[in-house]
């Protein structure tokens, strides 16, 4: 092959220059259609308690069970929903800081993260999910949105969503578009552009959920953040 022969990555790099492309219609509807978002209903089942921390299984219709932990400080000023790429068990220090700020913490592990992680070759399972018309990104965002809806109803006010890590920062943004039960979103170590996936030549084995057909065609992450406004979006390095 000649030295300047194109690869799939070089083709993608050229094609992405013109993206995202403008479209007609409602942005929120278009985004949720692309990620195949669901309006999930759930039931919260308490399964245990450890030192005042309540452990839940959020049974989301007949499709999913999401593990979660609710920790309440002595004086509650609000509720924070917490997700993290490394799983909720990795967030001890962040949970402590939120509690000290008077935040009730609802820490959860959405699809393929934390306790919900598929231990071997999780990306292949995601490819199968995509092959039957679902999108892992939409599953994750819909799980987060449904638990935010539950927390708003359970505790009487909208929640702050806190995400840690680049991968779940994408689903966190989409979940915030999806429901007004999230009043603001704080993204620690976030992904800033979907184009970084192509620039860094990442594959489905690295970032399976962001391999979402048609998403970058119309939406990069700044465009998704625009759909959240006037609610607050804070990016923290």
Protein backbone atom coordinates (compact mmCIF):
# COMPACT_ATOMS: atom_id res chain seq x y z
CA UNK A 1 0.00 0.00 0.00
CA UNK A 2 1.24 3.55 -0.67
CA UNK A 3 2.46 5.54 2.34
CA UNK A 4 -0.42 8.03 2.03
CA UNK A 5 -3.07 5.31 1.82
CA UNK A 6 -6.12 6.25 3.88
CA UNK A 7 -7.15 4.31 6.99
CA UNK A 8 -10.58 4.24 8.58
CA UNK A 9 -9.28 6.76 11.11
CA UNK A 10 -7.94 9.20 8.50
CA UNK A 11 -11.24 8.98 6.60
CA UNK A 12 -13.13 9.72 9.81
CA UNK A 13 -10.83 12.64 10.63
CA UNK A 14 -11.62 14.20 7.25
CA UNK A 15 -15.36 13.58 7.49
CA UNK A 16 -15.70 15.00 11.00
CA UNK A 17 -14.43 18.45 10.01
CA UNK A 18 -17.91 19.47 8.84
CA UNK A 19 -19.67 18.01 11.87
CA UNK A 20 -21.99 18.55 13.61
CA UNK A 21 -24.35 19.53 10.80
CA UNK A 22 -27.37 21.83 11.30
CA UNK A 23 -30.84 20.35 11.14
CA UNK A 24 -34.43 21.51 11.30
CA UNK A 25 -36.66 20.72 14.25
CA UNK A 26 -36.50 20.49 18.02
CA UNK A 27 -33.00 19.71 19.30
CA UNK A 28 -34.13 17.86 22.40
CA UNK A 29 -36.43 15.56 20.44
CA UNK A 30 -33.71 14.89 17.86
CA UNK A 31 -31.07 14.09 20.49
CA UNK A 32 -33.27 11.69 22.46
CA UNK A 33 -34.31 10.00 19.23
CA UNK A 34 -30.69 9.42 18.19
CA UNK A 35 -29.67 7.88 21.53
CA UNK A 36 -32.93 5.85 21.74
CA UNK A 37 -33.77 7.31 25.15
CA UNK A 38 -36.50 5.71 27.28
CA UNK A 39 -38.97 7.21 29.73
CA UNK A 40 -38.35 4.51 32.33
CA UNK A 41 -40.54 3.93 35.36
CA UNK A 42 -38.92 2.39 38.41
CA UNK A 43 -39.46 1.01 41.87
CA UNK A 44 -36.88 1.48 44.62
CA UNK A 45 -36.23 -1.58 46.75
CA UNK A 46 -34.25 -1.14 49.97
CA UNK A 47 -31.85 -4.09 50.33
CA UNK A 48 -29.71 -3.15 53.33
CA UNK A 49 -28.11 -0.56 55.57
CA UNK A 50 -24.50 0.05 56.59
CA UNK A 51 -23.60 2.72 59.16
CA UNK A 52 -26.58 4.84 58.18
CA UNK A 53 -26.07 4.38 54.42
CA UNK A 54 -29.16 2.87 52.78
CA UNK A 55 -28.58 0.42 49.94
CA UNK A 56 -31.12 0.21 47.13
CA UNK A 57 -31.87 -1.76 44.02
CA UNK A 58 -33.61 0.50 41.51
CA UNK A 59 -35.74 -1.88 39.48
CA UNK A 60 -36.30 -0.14 36.16
CA UNK A 61 -39.37 -1.67 34.54
CA UNK A 62 -38.59 -5.22 33.37
CA UNK A 63 -35.28 -4.25 31.80
CA UNK A 64 -32.65 -3.24 34.36
CA UNK A 65 -31.61 -3.20 37.98
CA UNK A 66 -29.32 -0.34 39.03
CA UNK A 67 -27.54 -0.52 42.42
CA UNK A 68 -27.47 2.61 44.53
CA UNK A 69 -26.62 3.99 47.95
CA UNK A 70 -28.35 6.89 49.73
CA UNK A 71 -26.47 8.75 52.46
CA UNK A 72 -28.10 11.60 54.37
CA UNK A 73 -26.23 14.24 56.42
CA UNK A 74 -27.61 15.63 59.72
CA UNK A 75 -28.69 18.89 58.05
CA UNK A 76 -29.89 18.49 54.47
CA UNK A 77 -29.60 21.42 52.07
CA UNK A 78 -30.20 19.48 48.87
CA UNK A 79 -29.72 16.20 47.03
CA UNK A 80 -26.85 15.20 44.74
CA UNK A 81 -27.04 12.28 42.33
CA UNK A 82 -23.53 10.89 41.81
CA UNK A 83 -22.11 8.73 38.99
CA UNK A 84 -18.46 7.89 38.28
CA UNK A 85 -16.51 6.02 35.62
CA UNK A 86 -14.67 4.11 38.35
CA UNK A 87 -17.89 3.22 40.17
CA UNK A 88 -19.54 4.73 43.20
CA UNK A 89 -17.30 2.82 45.64
CA UNK A 90 -14.32 4.85 44.38
CA UNK A 91 -15.92 8.14 45.44
CA UNK A 92 -15.50 8.10 49.23
CA UNK A 93 -13.75 11.47 49.38
CA UNK A 94 -16.23 13.15 47.02
CA UNK A 95 -19.19 11.74 48.93
CA UNK A 96 -17.70 13.06 52.18
CA UNK A 97 -17.29 16.54 50.67
CA UNK A 98 -20.89 16.55 49.42
CA UNK A 99 -22.18 15.45 52.84
CA UNK A 100 -20.18 18.18 54.54
CA UNK A 101 -21.83 20.67 52.16
CA UNK A 102 -25.22 19.47 53.35
CA UNK A 103 -25.97 17.35 50.30
CA UNK A 104 -27.87 14.10 50.54
CA UNK A 105 -26.00 11.75 48.20
CA UNK A 106 -27.65 9.24 45.91
CA UNK A 107 -24.71 7.31 44.39
CA UNK A 108 -25.52 4.89 41.56
CA UNK A 109 -23.78 2.64 39.04
CA UNK A 110 -25.43 2.85 35.60
CA UNK A 111 -25.09 0.25 32.85
CA UNK A 112 -21.53 -1.15 32.44
CA UNK A 113 -20.01 0.90 35.28
CA UNK A 114 -19.15 0.03 38.87
CA UNK A 115 -21.23 -2.87 40.17
CA UNK A 116 -23.16 -2.83 36.87
CA UNK A 117 -19.99 -3.54 34.89
CA UNK A 118 -19.88 -6.69 32.77
CA UNK A 119 -16.63 -8.30 33.88
CA UNK A 120 -15.42 -9.77 30.59
CA UNK A 121 -15.52 -8.09 27.19
CA UNK A 122 -18.23 -5.63 28.12
CA UNK A 123 -17.83 -3.83 24.79
CA UNK A 124 -19.03 -6.91 22.92
CA UNK A 125 -22.25 -6.86 24.93
CA UNK A 126 -22.65 -3.18 24.04
CA UNK A 127 -22.20 -4.02 20.35
CA UNK A 128 -24.96 -6.60 20.67
CA UNK A 129 -27.20 -4.02 22.35
CA UNK A 130 -26.56 -1.69 19.42
CA UNK A 131 -27.17 -4.47 16.90
CA UNK A 132 -30.78 -4.87 18.09
CA UNK A 133 -31.50 -1.14 17.81
CA UNK A 134 -30.79 0.09 21.35
CA UNK A 135 -28.02 2.49 22.32
CA UNK A 136 -25.93 2.05 25.48
CA UNK A 137 -25.70 5.83 25.81
CA UNK A 138 -29.48 6.09 25.84
CA UNK A 139 -29.76 3.28 28.37
CA UNK A 140 -27.30 5.02 30.69
CA UNK A 141 -28.88 8.46 30.37
CA UNK A 142 -32.38 7.02 30.83
CA UNK A 143 -31.32 5.14 33.96
CA UNK A 144 -29.82 8.33 35.41
CA UNK A 145 -32.89 10.38 34.43
CA UNK A 146 -35.34 7.88 35.93
CA UNK A 147 -33.48 7.80 39.26
CA UNK A 148 -33.33 11.61 39.24
CA UNK A 149 -37.12 11.60 38.78
CA UNK A 150 -37.46 9.20 41.71
CA UNK A 151 -35.19 11.35 43.92
CA UNK A 152 -37.13 14.51 43.09
CA UNK A 153 -40.39 12.81 44.06
CA UNK A 154 -38.90 11.07 47.11
CA UNK A 155 -37.12 14.11 48.57
CA UNK A 156 -39.30 16.92 47.29
CA UNK A 157 -36.96 18.92 45.07
CA UNK A 158 -34.81 18.64 41.92
CA UNK A 159 -31.31 17.19 42.26
CA UNK A 160 -27.82 18.25 41.33
CA UNK A 161 -26.14 15.68 39.09
CA UNK A 162 -22.41 15.12 39.66
CA UNK A 163 -20.42 13.03 37.19
CA UNK A 164 -16.79 11.95 37.56
CA UNK A 165 -14.78 10.86 34.52
CA UNK A 166 -15.03 11.43 30.77
CA UNK A 167 -17.26 8.52 29.81
CA UNK A 168 -20.26 9.10 32.05
CA UNK A 169 -20.01 12.84 31.48
CA UNK A 170 -21.68 12.21 28.11
CA UNK A 171 -24.66 10.29 29.54
CA UNK A 172 -24.91 12.83 32.37
CA UNK A 173 -25.38 15.67 29.89
CA UNK A 174 -28.03 13.74 27.96
CA UNK A 175 -29.87 12.76 31.16
CA UNK A 176 -30.00 16.44 32.12
CA UNK A 177 -31.58 17.24 28.75
CA UNK A 178 -33.99 14.36 29.29
CA UNK A 179 -35.51 15.44 32.64
CA UNK A 180 -36.16 18.64 34.55
CA UNK A 181 -35.68 16.69 37.78
CA UNK A 182 -32.00 17.62 37.37
CA UNK A 183 -31.54 21.29 38.25
CA UNK A 184 -27.81 21.49 37.46
CA UNK A 185 -24.91 19.26 36.43
CA UNK A 186 -21.29 19.29 37.58
CA UNK A 187 -18.86 17.34 35.38
CA UNK A 188 -15.46 16.43 36.86
CA UNK A 189 -12.74 15.43 34.37
CA UNK A 190 -15.28 15.55 31.52
CA UNK A 191 -14.99 14.69 27.87
CA UNK A 192 -15.13 18.02 26.04
CA UNK A 193 -15.79 16.88 22.49
CA UNK A 194 -16.89 13.66 20.81
CA UNK A 195 -14.29 14.46 18.16
CA UNK A 196 -11.59 13.55 20.69
CA UNK A 197 -12.64 9.91 20.26
CA UNK A 198 -11.66 10.06 16.59
CA UNK A 199 -8.59 12.23 17.14
CA UNK A 200 -7.27 9.74 19.70
CA UNK A 201 -8.30 6.82 17.47
CA UNK A 202 -10.30 5.11 20.22
CA UNK A 203 -12.26 1.97 19.43
CA UNK A 204 -15.39 0.31 20.74
CA UNK A 205 -13.19 -1.62 23.15
CA UNK A 206 -12.22 1.69 24.78
CA UNK A 207 -15.44 3.73 24.69
CA UNK A 208 -18.26 1.42 23.63
CA UNK A 209 -21.18 3.62 24.66
CA UNK A 210 -20.07 6.64 22.62
CA UNK A 211 -20.10 4.58 19.42
CA UNK A 212 -23.60 5.92 18.93
CA UNK A 213 -24.58 6.03 15.27
CA UNK A 214 -25.60 9.48 14.05
CA UNK A 215 -24.80 11.38 17.25
CA UNK A 216 -21.82 13.46 16.10
CA UNK A 217 -23.59 14.09 12.80
CA UNK A 218 -25.84 16.57 14.59
CA UNK A 219 -24.53 16.98 18.16
CA UNK A 220 -21.16 17.50 19.75
CA UNK A 221 -21.01 18.00 23.52
CA UNK A 222 -21.23 21.83 23.42
CA UNK A 223 -24.47 21.53 21.41
CA UNK A 224 -25.88 19.14 24.04
CA UNK A 225 -24.91 21.61 26.77
CA UNK A 226 -26.85 24.33 24.93
CA UNK A 227 -29.98 22.19 25.26
CA UNK A 228 -29.53 22.15 29.05
CA UNK A 229 -29.60 25.94 29.43
CA UNK A 230 -30.71 27.96 31.35
CA UNK A 231 -29.82 25.28 33.91
CA UNK A 232 -26.20 25.33 35.02
CA UNK A 233 -23.48 23.13 33.47
CA UNK A 234 -20.12 23.25 35.27
CA UNK A 235 -17.01 21.57 33.85
CA UNK A 236 -14.26 20.91 36.39
CA UNK A 237 -10.82 19.78 35.21
